[in-house]
Structure formats: structure tokens, C-alpha cells
Amino acid sequence: MKSSVSILIVDDEEVLRSLLQQILLRGGYQIRCAEDGVSALEMLREEP
């Protein structure tokens, strides 16, 4: 079942971002990833 919850993962470690993304995708969450705070803010401005 797909969740309507969207999670933004922000971490400078690609391995951690990828691992968290895989785990949360299995849980049905919608996931977006950013490698730093600046990128995360840009993503949120473009698509809140």
C-alpha cells in the first residue's frame, strides 16, 4: 500500500541516503533525497 507521506532525506553520506531510501520505499513512503541543506531547500522551494 502506497503512503501519502513524503519524506525528504538529507545527508551528505550517499550510502546512508541510499540505505534509508531503500528501507522507506519498502514501507511504501514517497522519498526524495538531498545531499545537503542547500539542495534540500531548493527541492522544497520547487515542490513543497
N, C-alpha and C. Protein backbone atom coordinates (compact mmCIF):
# COMPACT_ATOMS: atom_id res chain seq x y z
N MET A 1 0.83 -1.18 0.00
CA MET A 1 0.00 0.00 0.00
C MET A 1 0.88 1.24 0.00
N LYS A 2 0.62 2.16 -0.92
CA LYS A 2 1.43 3.35 -1.04
C LYS A 2 0.95 4.42 -0.06
N SER A 3 1.89 5.01 0.64
CA SER A 3 1.57 6.03 1.63
C SER A 3 1.51 7.40 0.98
N SER A 4 0.71 8.28 1.55
CA SER A 4 0.67 9.66 1.07
C SER A 4 1.74 10.50 1.76
N VAL A 5 2.49 9.88 2.65
CA VAL A 5 3.55 10.57 3.38
C VAL A 5 4.78 10.67 2.49
N SER A 6 5.31 11.88 2.38
CA SER A 6 6.52 12.12 1.60
C SER A 6 7.65 12.49 2.57
N ILE A 7 8.80 11.84 2.40
CA ILE A 7 9.93 12.07 3.29
C ILE A 7 11.11 12.59 2.48
N LEU A 8 11.73 13.64 2.99
CA LEU A 8 12.94 14.18 2.38
C LEU A 8 14.12 13.77 3.25
N ILE A 9 15.00 12.97 2.68
CA ILE A 9 16.20 12.52 3.39
C ILE A 9 17.33 13.47 3.03
N VAL A 10 17.97 14.04 4.05
CA VAL A 10 19.09 14.95 3.82
C VAL A 10 20.30 14.41 4.58
N ASP A 11 21.32 14.02 3.83
CA ASP A 11 22.55 13.50 4.44
C ASP A 11 23.66 13.59 3.42
N ASP A 12 24.85 13.94 3.87
CA ASP A 12 25.97 14.06 2.94
C ASP A 12 26.61 12.71 2.60
N GLU A 13 26.21 11.67 3.31
CA GLU A 13 26.74 10.33 3.04
C GLU A 13 25.80 9.60 2.08
N GLU A 14 26.26 9.36 0.86
CA GLU A 14 25.42 8.71 -0.14
C GLU A 14 24.96 7.32 0.30
N VAL A 15 25.83 6.59 0.97
CA VAL A 15 25.47 5.23 1.41
C VAL A 15 24.30 5.28 2.39
N LEU A 16 24.33 6.21 3.32
CA LEU A 16 23.23 6.33 4.29
C LEU A 16 21.94 6.76 3.61
N ARG A 17 22.03 7.74 2.69
CA ARG A 17 20.83 8.17 1.96
C ARG A 17 20.22 7.00 1.21
N SER A 18 21.05 6.24 0.54
CA SER A 18 20.57 5.11 -0.26
C SER A 18 19.93 4.04 0.63
N LEU A 19 20.57 3.73 1.74
CA LEU A 19 20.04 2.72 2.65
C LEU A 19 18.68 3.15 3.22
N LEU A 20 18.61 4.38 3.71
CA LEU A 20 17.34 4.89 4.24
C LEU A 20 16.26 4.90 3.17
N GLN A 21 16.64 5.31 1.97
CA GLN A 21 15.68 5.35 0.87
C GLN A 21 15.12 3.96 0.59
N GLN A 22 15.98 2.96 0.51
CA GLN A 22 15.53 1.59 0.23
C GLN A 22 14.58 1.10 1.32
N ILE A 23 14.93 1.34 2.57
CA ILE A 23 14.09 0.88 3.68
C ILE A 23 12.73 1.56 3.65
N LEU A 24 12.73 2.87 3.46
CA LEU A 24 11.47 3.61 3.48
C LEU A 24 10.61 3.33 2.25
N LEU A 25 11.24 3.10 1.10
CA LEU A 25 10.47 2.74 -0.10
C LEU A 25 9.74 1.42 0.11
N ARG A 26 10.39 0.47 0.77
CA ARG A 26 9.74 -0.81 1.08
C ARG A 26 8.53 -0.61 1.99
N GLY A 27 8.58 0.44 2.79
CA GLY A 27 7.46 0.76 3.67
C GLY A 27 6.35 1.52 2.97
N GLY A 28 6.56 1.81 1.68
CA GLY A 28 5.52 2.48 0.91
C GLY A 28 5.57 4.00 0.93
N TYR A 29 6.62 4.56 1.49
CA TYR A 29 6.72 6.02 1.56
C TYR A 29 7.24 6.61 0.24
N GLN A 30 6.86 7.84 -0.02
CA GLN A 30 7.40 8.59 -1.14
C GLN A 30 8.67 9.28 -0.64
N ILE A 31 9.77 9.09 -1.35
CA ILE A 31 11.06 9.55 -0.86
C ILE A 31 11.72 10.50 -1.85
N ARG A 32 12.30 11.55 -1.31
CA ARG A 32 13.20 12.42 -2.06
C ARG A 32 14.48 12.53 -1.26
N CYS A 33 15.61 12.67 -1.95
CA CYS A 33 16.90 12.73 -1.27
C CYS A 33 17.67 13.98 -1.69
N ALA A 34 18.41 14.53 -0.74
CA ALA A 34 19.30 15.66 -0.99
C ALA A 34 20.60 15.41 -0.24
N GLU A 35 21.69 15.90 -0.82
CA GLU A 35 22.99 15.65 -0.20
C GLU A 35 23.39 16.73 0.80
N ASP A 36 22.68 17.87 0.80
CA ASP A 36 22.99 18.92 1.77
C ASP A 36 21.78 19.82 1.97
N GLY A 37 21.90 20.71 2.94
CA GLY A 37 20.79 21.58 3.28
C GLY A 37 20.38 22.51 2.16
N VAL A 38 21.35 23.02 1.42
CA VAL A 38 21.06 23.93 0.31
C VAL A 38 20.22 23.21 -0.74
N SER A 39 20.63 22.02 -1.11
CA SER A 39 19.87 21.23 -2.09
C SER A 39 18.48 20.90 -1.58
N ALA A 40 18.37 20.60 -0.31
CA ALA A 40 17.07 20.27 0.28
C ALA A 40 16.13 21.47 0.22
N LEU A 41 16.65 22.66 0.55
CA LEU A 41 15.82 23.87 0.49
C LEU A 41 15.37 24.17 -0.94
N GLU A 42 16.27 23.97 -1.91
CA GLU A 42 15.90 24.18 -3.32
C GLU A 42 14.78 23.22 -3.72
N MET A 43 14.91 21.96 -3.31
CA MET A 43 13.87 20.98 -3.64
C MET A 43 12.53 21.38 -3.03
N LEU A 44 12.55 21.85 -1.80
CA LEU A 44 11.32 22.24 -1.13
C LEU A 44 10.70 23.49 -1.75
N ARG A 45 11.54 24.39 -2.24
CA ARG A 45 11.01 25.59 -2.91
C ARG A 45 10.34 25.21 -4.23
N GLU A 46 10.94 24.27 -4.96
CA GLU A 46 10.41 23.85 -6.26
C GLU A 46 9.14 23.03 -6.11
N GLU A 47 9.13 22.15 -5.12
CA GLU A 47 7.98 21.26 -4.90
C GLU A 47 7.81 21.00 -3.41
N PRO A 48 7.00 21.83 -2.74
CA PRO A 48 6.85 21.71 -1.28
C PRO A 48 6.29 20.38 -0.81
